[in-house]
Amino acid sequence: YHRVKRNKGCAGIDGKSVDDLPALLKQHWPSIKEQLLQGGYQP
């Protein structure tokens, strides 16, 4: 997280910036983590 924040960079196709990442993780990380652990995550 701190490396991505330090590198900054522009938003991807969803328009979310590095500053949006904490709120994004707070809302979606539990389900994303489960998808990763189950092998079903789709980038």
PDB file of all heavy atoms in Angstrom:
ATOM      1  N   TYR A   1       0.829  -1.201   0.000  1.00  0.00           N
ATOM      2  CA  TYR A   1       0.000   0.000   0.000  1.00  0.00           C
ATOM      3  C   TYR A   1       0.870   1.260   0.000  1.00  0.00           C
ATOM      4  O   TYR A   1       0.653   2.193  -0.783  1.00  0.00           O
ATOM      5  CB  TYR A   1      -0.931   0.002   1.217  1.00  0.00           C
ATOM      6  CG  TYR A   1      -1.651   1.311   1.430  1.00  0.00           C
ATOM      7  CD1 TYR A   1      -2.797   1.615   0.713  1.00  0.00           C
ATOM      8  CD2 TYR A   1      -1.185   2.249   2.345  1.00  0.00           C
ATOM      9  CE1 TYR A   1      -3.467   2.815   0.898  1.00  0.00           C
ATOM     10  CE2 TYR A   1      -1.834   3.450   2.544  1.00  0.00           C
ATOM     11  CZ  TYR A   1      -2.978   3.730   1.825  1.00  0.00           C
ATOM     12  OH  TYR A   1      -3.624   4.929   1.995  1.00  0.00           O
ATOM     13  N   HIS A   2       1.869   1.291   0.850  1.00  0.00           N
ATOM     14  CA  HIS A   2       2.708   2.488   0.935  1.00  0.00           C
ATOM     15  C   HIS A   2       3.588   2.649  -0.296  1.00  0.00           C
ATOM     16  O   HIS A   2       3.898   3.772  -0.689  1.00  0.00           O
ATOM     17  CB  HIS A   2       3.526   2.456   2.228  1.00  0.00           C
ATOM     18  CG  HIS A   2       2.699   2.723   3.442  1.00  0.00           C
ATOM     19  ND1 HIS A   2       2.230   3.970   3.769  1.00  0.00           N
ATOM     20  CD2 HIS A   2       2.212   1.880   4.388  1.00  0.00           C
ATOM     21  CE1 HIS A   2       1.513   3.906   4.879  1.00  0.00           C
ATOM     22  NE2 HIS A   2       1.482   2.643   5.274  1.00  0.00           N
ATOM     23  N   ARG A   3       3.973   1.540  -0.934  1.00  0.00           N
ATOM     24  CA  ARG A   3       4.743   1.653  -2.171  1.00  0.00           C
ATOM     25  C   ARG A   3       3.862   2.226  -3.297  1.00  0.00           C
ATOM     26  O   ARG A   3       4.302   3.100  -4.050  1.00  0.00           O
ATOM     27  CB  ARG A   3       5.299   0.288  -2.575  1.00  0.00           C
ATOM     28  CG  ARG A   3       6.037   0.288  -3.904  1.00  0.00           C
ATOM     29  CD  ARG A   3       7.219   1.251  -3.905  1.00  0.00           C
ATOM     30  NE  ARG A   3       8.217   0.876  -2.956  1.00  0.00           N
ATOM     31  CZ  ARG A   3       9.219   0.042  -3.197  1.00  0.00           C
ATOM     32  NH1 ARG A   3       9.344  -0.521  -4.383  1.00  0.00           N
ATOM     33  NH2 ARG A   3      10.118  -0.223  -2.262  1.00  0.00           N
ATOM     34  N   VAL A   4       2.638   1.734  -3.409  1.00  0.00           N
ATOM     35  CA  VAL A   4       1.717   2.236  -4.437  1.00  0.00           C
ATOM     36  C   VAL A   4       1.410   3.706  -4.196  1.00  0.00           C
ATOM     37  O   VAL A   4       1.383   4.518  -5.126  1.00  0.00           O
ATOM     38  CB  VAL A   4       0.427   1.389  -4.464  1.00  0.00           C
ATOM     39  CG1 VAL A   4      -0.639   2.048  -5.341  1.00  0.00           C
ATOM     40  CG2 VAL A   4       0.725  -0.015  -4.967  1.00  0.00           C
ATOM     41  N   LYS A   5       1.201   4.050  -2.930  1.00  0.00           N
ATOM     42  CA  LYS A   5       0.914   5.445  -2.608  1.00  0.00           C
ATOM     43  C   LYS A   5       2.106   6.336  -2.944  1.00  0.00           C
ATOM     44  O   LYS A   5       1.938   7.445  -3.476  1.00  0.00           O
ATOM     45  CB  LYS A   5       0.557   5.568  -1.124  1.00  0.00           C
ATOM     46  CG  LYS A   5       0.156   6.977  -0.709  1.00  0.00           C
ATOM     47  CD  LYS A   5      -0.251   7.014   0.749  1.00  0.00           C
ATOM     48  CE  LYS A   5      -0.637   8.443   1.167  1.00  0.00           C
ATOM     49  NZ  LYS A   5      -1.014   8.501   2.598  1.00  0.00           N
ATOM     50  N   ARG A   6       3.306   5.864  -2.657  1.00  0.00           N
ATOM     51  CA  ARG A   6       4.513   6.645  -2.923  1.00  0.00           C
ATOM     52  C   ARG A   6       4.746   6.813  -4.421  1.00  0.00           C
ATOM     53  O   ARG A   6       5.197   7.858  -4.878  1.00  0.00           O
ATOM     54  CB  ARG A   6       5.707   5.966  -2.258  1.00  0.00           C
ATOM     55  CG  ARG A   6       6.993   6.769  -2.285  1.00  0.00           C
ATOM     56  CD  ARG A   6       7.966   6.269  -1.230  1.00  0.00           C
ATOM     57  NE  ARG A   6       8.348   4.881  -1.441  1.00  0.00           N
ATOM     58  CZ  ARG A   6       8.046   3.885  -0.627  1.00  0.00           C
ATOM     59  NH1 ARG A   6       7.336   4.104   0.477  1.00  0.00           N
ATOM     60  NH2 ARG A   6       8.447   2.649  -0.881  1.00  0.00           N
ATOM     61  N   ASN A   7       4.414   5.789  -5.199  1.00  0.00           N
ATOM     62  CA  ASN A   7       4.615   5.854  -6.645  1.00  0.00           C
ATOM     63  C   ASN A   7       3.571   6.707  -7.356  1.00  0.00           C
ATOM     64  O   ASN A   7       3.775   7.105  -8.504  1.00  0.00           O
ATOM     65  CB  ASN A   7       4.604   4.440  -7.242  1.00  0.00           C
ATOM     66  CG  ASN A   7       5.830   3.645  -6.854  1.00  0.00           C
ATOM     67  OD1 ASN A   7       6.817   4.189  -6.384  1.00  0.00           O
ATOM     68  ND2 ASN A   7       5.763   2.336  -7.039  1.00  0.00           N
ATOM     69  N   LYS A   8       2.438   6.920  -6.688  1.00  0.00           N
ATOM     70  CA  LYS A   8       1.337   7.724  -7.253  1.00  0.00           C
ATOM     71  C   LYS A   8       0.884   7.117  -8.577  1.00  0.00           C
ATOM     72  O   LYS A   8       0.455   5.987  -8.611  1.00  0.00           O
ATOM     73  CB  LYS A   8       1.763   9.183  -7.382  1.00  0.00           C
ATOM     74  CG  LYS A   8       2.095   9.821  -6.036  1.00  0.00           C
ATOM     75  CD  LYS A   8       2.477  11.274  -6.180  1.00  0.00           C
ATOM     76  CE  LYS A   8       2.796  11.872  -4.810  1.00  0.00           C
ATOM     77  NZ  LYS A   8       3.212  13.294  -4.896  1.00  0.00           N
ATOM     78  N   GLY A   9       0.986   7.833  -9.671  1.00  0.00           N
ATOM     79  CA  GLY A   9       0.501   7.306 -10.942  1.00  0.00           C
ATOM     80  C   GLY A   9      -0.940   7.708 -11.195  1.00  0.00           C
ATOM     81  O   GLY A   9      -1.690   8.037 -10.284  1.00  0.00           O
ATOM     82  N   CYS A  10      -1.322   7.660 -12.462  1.00  0.00           N
ATOM     83  CA  CYS A  10      -2.672   8.093 -12.826  1.00  0.00           C
ATOM     84  C   CYS A  10      -3.673   6.961 -12.614  1.00  0.00           C
ATOM     85  O   CYS A  10      -3.307   5.807 -12.400  1.00  0.00           O
ATOM     86  CB  CYS A  10      -2.704   8.590 -14.265  1.00  0.00           C
ATOM     87  SG  CYS A  10      -2.309   7.343 -15.497  1.00  0.00           S
ATOM     88  N   ALA A  11      -4.937   7.310 -12.687  1.00  0.00           N
ATOM     89  CA  ALA A  11      -6.011   6.344 -12.464  1.00  0.00           C
ATOM     90  C   ALA A  11      -6.125   5.387 -13.648  1.00  0.00           C
ATOM     91  O   ALA A  11      -5.747   5.709 -14.775  1.00  0.00           O
ATOM     92  CB  ALA A  11      -7.327   7.079 -12.253  1.00  0.00           C
ATOM     93  N   GLY A  12      -6.657   4.209 -13.368  1.00  0.00           N
ATOM     94  CA  GLY A  12      -6.934   3.244 -14.418  1.00  0.00           C
ATOM     95  C   GLY A  12      -8.304   3.476 -15.014  1.00  0.00           C
ATOM     96  O   GLY A  12      -8.867   4.573 -14.941  1.00  0.00           O
ATOM     97  N   ILE A  13      -8.897   2.426 -15.604  1.00  0.00           N
ATOM     98  CA  ILE A  13     -10.156   2.596 -16.330  1.00  0.00           C
ATOM     99  C   ILE A  13     -11.328   2.907 -15.420  1.00  0.00           C
ATOM    100  O   ILE A  13     -12.354   3.408 -15.876  1.00  0.00           O
ATOM    101  CB  ILE A  13     -10.491   1.345 -17.181  1.00  0.00           C
ATOM    102  CG1 ILE A  13     -10.690   0.117 -16.280  1.00  0.00           C
ATOM    103  CG2 ILE A  13      -9.409   1.090 -18.205  1.00  0.00           C
ATOM    104  CD1 ILE A  13     -11.247  -1.080 -17.024  1.00  0.00           C
ATOM    105  N   ASP A  14     -11.189   2.643 -14.087  1.00  0.00           N
ATOM    106  CA  ASP A  14     -12.295   2.921 -13.169  1.00  0.00           C
ATOM    107  C   ASP A  14     -12.259   4.356 -12.647  1.00  0.00           C
ATOM    108  O   ASP A  14     -13.158   4.777 -11.903  1.00  0.00           O
ATOM    109  CB  ASP A  14     -12.290   1.942 -11.995  1.00  0.00           C
ATOM    110  CG  ASP A  14     -11.009   2.010 -11.166  1.00  0.00           C
ATOM    111  OD1 ASP A  14     -10.079   2.747 -11.556  1.00  0.00           O
ATOM    112  OD2 ASP A  14     -10.942   1.317 -10.130  1.00  0.00           O
ATOM    113  N   GLY A  15     -11.220   5.111 -13.006  1.00  0.00           N
ATOM    114  CA  GLY A  15     -11.129   6.504 -12.578  1.00  0.00           C
ATOM    115  C   GLY A  15     -10.709   6.702 -11.135  1.00  0.00           C
ATOM    116  O   GLY A  15     -10.672   7.838 -10.650  1.00  0.00           O
ATOM    117  N   LYS A  16     -10.356   5.623 -10.427  1.00  0.00           N
ATOM    118  CA  LYS A  16      -9.987   5.718  -9.025  1.00  0.00           C
ATOM    119  C   LYS A  16      -8.499   6.076  -8.890  1.00  0.00           C
ATOM    120  O   LYS A  16      -7.651   5.440  -9.508  1.00  0.00           O
ATOM    121  CB  LYS A  16     -10.259   4.397  -8.297  1.00  0.00           C
ATOM    122  CG  LYS A  16     -11.712   3.944  -8.348  1.00  0.00           C
ATOM    123  CD  LYS A  16     -12.616   4.875  -7.561  1.00  0.00           C
ATOM    124  CE  LYS A  16     -14.046   4.329  -7.510  1.00  0.00           C
ATOM    125  NZ  LYS A  16     -14.950   5.248  -6.778  1.00  0.00           N
ATOM    126  N   SER A  17      -8.216   7.075  -8.065  1.00  0.00           N
ATOM    127  CA  SER A  17      -6.844   7.504  -7.841  1.00  0.00           C
ATOM    128  C   SER A  17      -6.277   6.821  -6.603  1.00  0.00           C
ATOM    129  O   SER A  17      -6.984   6.110  -5.875  1.00  0.00           O
ATOM    130  CB  SER A  17      -6.792   9.024  -7.670  1.00  0.00           C
ATOM    131  OG  SER A  17      -7.385   9.388  -6.431  1.00  0.00           O
ATOM    132  N   VAL A  18      -4.992   7.064  -6.345  1.00  0.00           N
ATOM    133  CA  VAL A  18      -4.363   6.524  -5.143  1.00  0.00           C
ATOM    134  C   VAL A  18      -5.073   7.032  -3.894  1.00  0.00           C
ATOM    135  O   VAL A  18      -5.204   6.295  -2.899  1.00  0.00           O
ATOM    136  CB  VAL A  18      -2.864   6.902  -5.120  1.00  0.00           C
ATOM    137  CG1 VAL A  18      -2.230   6.501  -3.800  1.00  0.00           C
ATOM    138  CG2 VAL A  18      -2.126   6.239  -6.275  1.00  0.00           C
ATOM    139  N   ASP A  19      -5.562   8.269  -3.919  1.00  0.00           N
ATOM    140  CA  ASP A  19      -6.263   8.826  -2.761  1.00  0.00           C
ATOM    141  C   ASP A  19      -7.583   8.113  -2.491  1.00  0.00           C
ATOM    142  O   ASP A  19      -8.103   8.166  -1.374  1.00  0.00           O
ATOM    143  CB  ASP A  19      -6.523  10.324  -2.981  1.00  0.00           C
ATOM    144  CG  ASP A  19      -5.228  11.139  -2.987  1.00  0.00           C
ATOM    145  OD1 ASP A  19      -4.239  10.673  -2.393  1.00  0.00           O
ATOM    146  OD2 ASP A  19      -5.213  12.218  -3.608  1.00  0.00           O
ATOM    147  N   ASP A  20      -8.131   7.465  -3.506  1.00  0.00           N
ATOM    148  CA  ASP A  20      -9.393   6.741  -3.341  1.00  0.00           C
ATOM    149  C   ASP A  20      -9.189   5.333  -2.781  1.00  0.00           C
ATOM    150  O   ASP A  20     -10.164   4.658  -2.423  1.00  0.00           O
ATOM    151  CB  ASP A  20     -10.120   6.620  -4.694  1.00  0.00           C
ATOM    152  CG  ASP A  20     -10.517   7.964  -5.268  1.00  0.00           C
ATOM    153  OD1 ASP A  20     -10.940   8.837  -4.482  1.00  0.00           O
ATOM    154  OD2 ASP A  20     -10.400   8.143  -6.497  1.00  0.00           O
ATOM    155  N   LEU A  21      -7.944   4.890  -2.708  1.00  0.00           N
ATOM    156  CA  LEU A  21      -7.682   3.496  -2.352  1.00  0.00           C
ATOM    157  C   LEU A  21      -8.149   3.116  -0.951  1.00  0.00           C
ATOM    158  O   LEU A  21      -8.760   2.048  -0.781  1.00  0.00           O
ATOM    159  CB  LEU A  21      -6.196   3.193  -2.525  1.00  0.00           C
ATOM    160  CG  LEU A  21      -5.763   1.731  -2.371  1.00  0.00           C
ATOM    161  CD1 LEU A  21      -6.559   0.806  -3.278  1.00  0.00           C
ATOM    162  CD2 LEU A  21      -4.264   1.579  -2.647  1.00  0.00           C
ATOM    163  N   PRO A  22      -7.918   3.931   0.097  1.00  0.00           N
ATOM    164  CA  PRO A  22      -8.385   3.517   1.433  1.00  0.00           C
ATOM    165  C   PRO A  22      -9.884   3.250   1.490  1.00  0.00           C
ATOM    166  O   PRO A  22     -10.318   2.227   2.041  1.00  0.00           O
ATOM    167  CB  PRO A  22      -7.976   4.697   2.321  1.00  0.00           C
ATOM    168  CG  PRO A  22      -6.805   5.304   1.631  1.00  0.00           C
ATOM    169  CD  PRO A  22      -7.103   5.166   0.163  1.00  0.00           C
ATOM    170  N   ALA A  23     -10.676   4.144   0.918  1.00  0.00           N
ATOM    171  CA  ALA A  23     -12.135   3.951   0.936  1.00  0.00           C
ATOM    172  C   ALA A  23     -12.529   2.732   0.117  1.00  0.00           C
ATOM    173  O   ALA A  23     -13.448   1.975   0.498  1.00  0.00           O
ATOM    174  CB  ALA A  23     -12.827   5.203   0.400  1.00  0.00           C
ATOM    175  N   LEU A  24     -11.841   2.520  -0.986  1.00  0.00           N
ATOM    176  CA  LEU A  24     -12.115   1.361  -1.832  1.00  0.00           C
ATOM    177  C   LEU A  24     -11.849   0.062  -1.082  1.00  0.00           C
ATOM    178  O   LEU A  24     -12.654  -0.879  -1.129  1.00  0.00           O
ATOM    179  CB  LEU A  24     -11.251   1.453  -3.087  1.00  0.00           C
ATOM    180  CG  LEU A  24     -11.469   0.409  -4.176  1.00  0.00           C
ATOM    181  CD1 LEU A  24     -12.830   0.590  -4.823  1.00  0.00           C
ATOM    182  CD2 LEU A  24     -10.371   0.519  -5.238  1.00  0.00           C
ATOM    183  N   LEU A  25     -10.729   0.027  -0.371  1.00  0.00           N
ATOM    184  CA  LEU A  25     -10.383  -1.174   0.391  1.00  0.00           C
ATOM    185  C   LEU A  25     -11.335  -1.387   1.560  1.00  0.00           C
ATOM    186  O   LEU A  25     -11.712  -2.518   1.875  1.00  0.00           O
ATOM    187  CB  LEU A  25      -8.947  -1.076   0.887  1.00  0.00           C
ATOM    188  CG  LEU A  25      -7.861  -1.109  -0.182  1.00  0.00           C
ATOM    189  CD1 LEU A  25      -6.505  -0.814   0.431  1.00  0.00           C
ATOM    190  CD2 LEU A  25      -7.836  -2.448  -0.903  1.00  0.00           C
ATOM    191  N   LYS A  26     -11.707  -0.324   2.233  1.00  0.00           N
ATOM    192  CA  LYS A  26     -12.607  -0.445   3.373  1.00  0.00           C
ATOM    193  C   LYS A  26     -13.931  -1.073   2.963  1.00  0.00           C
ATOM    194  O   LYS A  26     -14.509  -1.891   3.688  1.00  0.00           O
ATOM    195  CB  LYS A  26     -12.843   0.926   3.990  1.00  0.00           C
ATOM    196  CG  LYS A  26     -13.699   0.888   5.247  1.00  0.00           C
ATOM    197  CD  LYS A  26     -13.806   2.267   5.879  1.00  0.00           C
ATOM    198  CE  LYS A  26     -14.634   2.220   7.167  1.00  0.00           C
ATOM    199  NZ  LYS A  26     -14.742   3.562   7.796  1.00  0.00           N
ATOM    200  N   GLN A  27     -14.382  -0.720   1.769  1.00  0.00           N
ATOM    201  CA  GLN A  27     -15.679  -1.222   1.299  1.00  0.00           C
ATOM    202  C   GLN A  27     -15.575  -2.620   0.682  1.00  0.00           C
ATOM    203  O   GLN A  27     -16.467  -3.458   0.877  1.00  0.00           O
ATOM    204  CB  GLN A  27     -16.267  -0.252   0.267  1.00  0.00           C
ATOM    205  CG  GLN A  27     -17.645  -0.672  -0.243  1.00  0.00           C
ATOM    206  CD  GLN A  27     -18.240   0.349  -1.192  1.00  0.00           C
ATOM    207  OE1 GLN A  27     -17.617   1.388  -1.481  1.00  0.00           O
ATOM    208  NE2 GLN A  27     -19.423   0.072  -1.699  1.00  0.00           N
ATOM    209  N   HIS A  28     -14.490  -2.895  -0.040  1.00  0.00           N
ATOM    210  CA  HIS A  28     -14.472  -4.102  -0.871  1.00  0.00           C
ATOM    211  C   HIS A  28     -13.408  -5.134  -0.513  1.00  0.00           C
ATOM    212  O   HIS A  28     -13.453  -6.255  -1.038  1.00  0.00           O
ATOM    213  CB  HIS A  28     -14.271  -3.699  -2.344  1.00  0.00           C
ATOM    214  CG  HIS A  28     -15.366  -2.855  -2.909  1.00  0.00           C
ATOM    215  ND1 HIS A  28     -16.649  -3.327  -3.112  1.00  0.00           N
ATOM    216  CD2 HIS A  28     -15.372  -1.546  -3.295  1.00  0.00           C
ATOM    217  CE1 HIS A  28     -17.401  -2.366  -3.625  1.00  0.00           C
ATOM    218  NE2 HIS A  28     -16.650  -1.268  -3.734  1.00  0.00           N
ATOM    219  N   TRP A  29     -12.422  -4.790   0.352  1.00  0.00           N
ATOM    220  CA  TRP A  29     -11.316  -5.722   0.547  1.00  0.00           C
ATOM    221  C   TRP A  29     -11.720  -7.102   1.054  1.00  0.00           C
ATOM    222  O   TRP A  29     -11.177  -8.113   0.569  1.00  0.00           O
ATOM    223  CB  TRP A  29     -10.246  -5.125   1.455  1.00  0.00           C
ATOM    224  CG  TRP A  29      -9.129  -6.104   1.678  1.00  0.00           C
ATOM    225  CD1 TRP A  29      -8.825  -6.755   2.818  1.00  0.00           C
ATOM    226  CD2 TRP A  29      -8.208  -6.573   0.686  1.00  0.00           C
ATOM    227  NE1 TRP A  29      -7.755  -7.600   2.623  1.00  0.00           N
ATOM    228  CE2 TRP A  29      -7.358  -7.513   1.309  1.00  0.00           C
ATOM    229  CE3 TRP A  29      -8.027  -6.287  -0.672  1.00  0.00           C
ATOM    230  CZ2 TRP A  29      -6.346  -8.170   0.629  1.00  0.00           C
ATOM    231  CZ3 TRP A  29      -7.006  -6.947  -1.352  1.00  0.00           C
ATOM    232  CH2 TRP A  29      -6.183  -7.871  -0.701  1.00  0.00           C
ATOM    233  N   PRO A  30     -12.636  -7.242   2.025  1.00  0.00           N
ATOM    234  CA  PRO A  30     -12.975  -8.604   2.488  1.00  0.00           C
ATOM    235  C   PRO A  30     -13.399  -9.528   1.349  1.00  0.00           C
ATOM    236  O   PRO A  30     -12.953 -10.681   1.279  1.00  0.00           O
ATOM    237  CB  PRO A  30     -14.111  -8.367   3.484  1.00  0.00           C
ATOM    238  CG  PRO A  30     -13.851  -6.990   4.006  1.00  0.00           C
ATOM    239  CD  PRO A  30     -13.350  -6.221   2.828  1.00  0.00           C
ATOM    240  N   SER A  31     -14.229  -9.034   0.432  1.00  0.00           N
ATOM    241  CA  SER A  31     -14.670  -9.885  -0.675  1.00  0.00           C
ATOM    242  C   SER A  31     -13.545 -10.100  -1.689  1.00  0.00           C
ATOM    243  O   SER A  31     -13.414 -11.193  -2.259  1.00  0.00           O
ATOM    244  CB  SER A  31     -15.890  -9.270  -1.373  1.00  0.00           C
ATOM    245  OG  SER A  31     -15.566  -8.012  -1.949  1.00  0.00           O
ATOM    246  N   ILE A  32     -12.715  -9.073  -1.925  1.00  0.00           N
ATOM    247  CA  ILE A  32     -11.591  -9.223  -2.858  1.00  0.00           C
ATOM    248  C   ILE A  32     -10.594 -10.243  -2.316  1.00  0.00           C
ATOM    249  O   ILE A  32     -10.106 -11.110  -3.048  1.00  0.00           O
ATOM    250  CB  ILE A  32     -10.907  -7.864  -3.092  1.00  0.00           C
ATOM    251  CG1 ILE A  32     -11.845  -6.937  -3.853  1.00  0.00           C
ATOM    252  CG2 ILE A  32      -9.593  -8.042  -3.863  1.00  0.00           C
ATOM    253  CD1 ILE A  32     -11.385  -5.504  -3.897  1.00  0.00           C
ATOM    254  N   LYS A  33     -10.297 -10.148  -1.021  1.00  0.00           N
ATOM    255  CA  LYS A  33      -9.376 -11.102  -0.400  1.00  0.00           C
ATOM    256  C   LYS A  33      -9.906 -12.521  -0.543  1.00  0.00           C
ATOM    257  O   LYS A  33      -9.138 -13.450  -0.862  1.00  0.00           O
ATOM    258  CB  LYS A  33      -9.189 -10.742   1.070  1.00  0.00           C
ATOM    259  CG  LYS A  33      -8.291 -11.703   1.826  1.00  0.00           C
ATOM    260  CD  LYS A  33      -8.163 -11.278   3.280  1.00  0.00           C
ATOM    261  CE  LYS A  33      -7.338 -12.273   4.084  1.00  0.00           C
ATOM    262  NZ  LYS A  33      -7.228 -11.877   5.507  1.00  0.00           N
ATOM    263  N   GLU A  34     -11.186 -12.708  -0.326  1.00  0.00           N
ATOM    264  CA  GLU A  34     -11.774 -14.040  -0.452  1.00  0.00           C
ATOM    265  C   GLU A  34     -11.675 -14.542  -1.887  1.00  0.00           C
ATOM    266  O   GLU A  34     -11.380 -15.726  -2.132  1.00  0.00           O
ATOM    267  CB  GLU A  34     -13.233 -14.018   0.004  1.00  0.00           C
ATOM    268  CG  GLU A  34     -13.903 -15.388   0.048  1.00  0.00           C
ATOM    269  CD  GLU A  34     -13.245 -16.322   1.052  1.00  0.00           C
ATOM    270  OE1 GLU A  34     -12.577 -15.849   2.002  1.00  0.00           O
ATOM    271  OE2 GLU A  34     -13.395 -17.554   0.889  1.00  0.00           O
ATOM    272  N   GLN A  35     -11.913 -13.653  -2.843  1.00  0.00           N
ATOM    273  CA  GLN A  35     -11.786 -14.039  -4.252  1.00  0.00           C
ATOM    274  C   GLN A  35     -10.348 -14.464  -4.570  1.00  0.00           C
ATOM    275  O   GLN A  35     -10.131 -15.446  -5.289  1.00  0.00           O
ATOM    276  CB  GLN A  35     -12.191 -12.879  -5.158  1.00  0.00           C
ATOM    277  CG  GLN A  35     -13.667 -12.538  -5.138  1.00  0.00           C
ATOM    278  CD  GLN A  35     -13.961 -11.277  -5.922  1.00  0.00           C
ATOM    279  OE1 GLN A  35     -13.446 -11.069  -7.018  1.00  0.00           O
ATOM    280  NE2 GLN A  35     -14.785 -10.407  -5.359  1.00  0.00           N
ATOM    281  N   LEU A  36      -9.373 -13.741  -4.042  1.00  0.00           N
ATOM    282  CA  LEU A  36      -7.975 -14.087  -4.278  1.00  0.00           C
ATOM    283  C   LEU A  36      -7.647 -15.450  -3.666  1.00  0.00           C
ATOM    284  O   LEU A  36      -6.998 -16.287  -4.294  1.00  0.00           O
ATOM    285  CB  LEU A  36      -7.065 -13.009  -3.687  1.00  0.00           C
ATOM    286  CG  LEU A  36      -7.036 -11.672  -4.430  1.00  0.00           C
ATOM    287  CD1 LEU A  36      -6.364 -10.599  -3.574  1.00  0.00           C
ATOM    288  CD2 LEU A  36      -6.319 -11.799  -5.767  1.00  0.00           C
ATOM    289  N   LEU A  37      -8.101 -15.678  -2.446  1.00  0.00           N
ATOM    290  CA  LEU A  37      -7.806 -16.937  -1.775  1.00  0.00           C
ATOM    291  C   LEU A  37      -8.506 -18.124  -2.433  1.00  0.00           C
ATOM    292  O   LEU A  37      -8.008 -19.254  -2.393  1.00  0.00           O
ATOM    293  CB  LEU A  37      -8.195 -16.844  -0.294  1.00  0.00           C
ATOM    294  CG  LEU A  37      -7.314 -15.936   0.562  1.00  0.00           C
ATOM    295  CD1 LEU A  37      -7.901 -15.775   1.955  1.00  0.00           C
ATOM    296  CD2 LEU A  37      -5.886 -16.488   0.647  1.00  0.00           C
ATOM    297  N   GLN A  38      -9.671 -17.859  -3.025  1.00  0.00           N
ATOM    298  CA  GLN A  38     -10.404 -18.933  -3.700  1.00  0.00           C
ATOM    299  C   GLN A  38      -9.997 -19.099  -5.160  1.00  0.00           C
ATOM    300  O   GLN A  38     -10.468 -20.020  -5.834  1.00  0.00           O
ATOM    301  CB  GLN A  38     -11.918 -18.653  -3.612  1.00  0.00           C
ATOM    302  CG  GLN A  38     -12.478 -18.690  -2.204  1.00  0.00           C
ATOM    303  CD  GLN A  38     -12.281 -20.034  -1.526  1.00  0.00           C
ATOM    304  OE1 GLN A  38     -12.422 -21.084  -2.151  1.00  0.00           O
ATOM    305  NE2 GLN A  38     -11.938 -20.005  -0.232  1.00  0.00           N
ATOM    306  N   GLY A  39      -9.147 -18.196  -5.655  1.00  0.00           N
ATOM    307  CA  GLY A  39      -8.686 -18.290  -7.040  1.00  0.00           C
ATOM    308  C   GLY A  39      -9.653 -17.744  -8.057  1.00  0.00           C
ATOM    309  O   GLY A  39      -9.535 -18.058  -9.250  1.00  0.00           O
ATOM    310  N   GLY A  40     -10.589 -16.909  -7.627  1.00  0.00           N
ATOM    311  CA  GLY A  40     -11.600 -16.414  -8.558  1.00  0.00           C
ATOM    312  C   GLY A  40     -11.494 -14.944  -8.911  1.00  0.00           C
ATOM    313  O   GLY A  40     -12.343 -14.427  -9.642  1.00  0.00           O
ATOM    314  N   TYR A  41     -10.450 -14.261  -8.434  1.00  0.00           N
ATOM    315  CA  TYR A  41     -10.367 -12.819  -8.688  1.00  0.00           C
ATOM    316  C   TYR A  41     -10.100 -12.537 -10.175  1.00  0.00           C
ATOM    317  O   TYR A  41      -9.248 -13.161 -10.793  1.00  0.00           O
ATOM    318  CB  TYR A  41      -9.260 -12.188  -7.848  1.00  0.00           C
ATOM    319  CG  TYR A  41      -9.106 -10.703  -8.106  1.00  0.00           C
ATOM    320  CD1 TYR A  41     -10.012  -9.794  -7.571  1.00  0.00           C
ATOM    321  CD2 TYR A  41      -8.069 -10.223  -8.904  1.00  0.00           C
ATOM    322  CE1 TYR A  41      -9.881  -8.433  -7.825  1.00  0.00           C
ATOM    323  CE2 TYR A  41      -7.933  -8.863  -9.156  1.00  0.00           C
ATOM    324  CZ  TYR A  41      -8.845  -7.977  -8.616  1.00  0.00           C
ATOM    325  OH  TYR A  41      -8.719  -6.630  -8.878  1.00  0.00           O
ATOM    326  N   GLN A  42     -10.855 -11.572 -10.733  1.00  0.00           N
ATOM    327  CA  GLN A  42     -10.710 -11.178 -12.129  1.00  0.00           C
ATOM    328  C   GLN A  42     -10.204  -9.742 -12.198  1.00  0.00           C
ATOM    329  O   GLN A  42     -10.918  -8.814 -11.831  1.00  0.00           O
ATOM    330  CB  GLN A  42     -12.058 -11.280 -12.859  1.00  0.00           C
ATOM    331  CG  GLN A  42     -12.607 -12.683 -13.000  1.00  0.00           C
ATOM    332  CD  GLN A  42     -11.860 -13.487 -14.062  1.00  0.00           C
ATOM    333  OE1 GLN A  42     -11.089 -12.935 -14.847  1.00  0.00           O
ATOM    334  NE2 GLN A  42     -12.082 -14.793 -14.075  1.00  0.00           N
ATOM    335  N   PRO A  43      -8.975  -9.510 -12.655  1.00  0.00           N
ATOM    336  CA  PRO A  43      -8.472  -8.143 -12.792  1.00  0.00           C
ATOM    337  C   PRO A  43      -9.262  -7.377 -13.841  1.00  0.00           C
ATOM    338  O   PRO A  43      -9.855  -7.965 -14.755  1.00  0.00           O
ATOM    339  CB  PRO A  43      -7.017  -8.336 -13.247  1.00  0.00           C
ATOM    340  CG  PRO A  43      -6.698  -9.770 -12.981  1.00  0.00           C
ATOM    341  CD  PRO A  43      -7.975 -10.517 -13.074  1.00  0.00           C
TER     342      PRO A  43
END
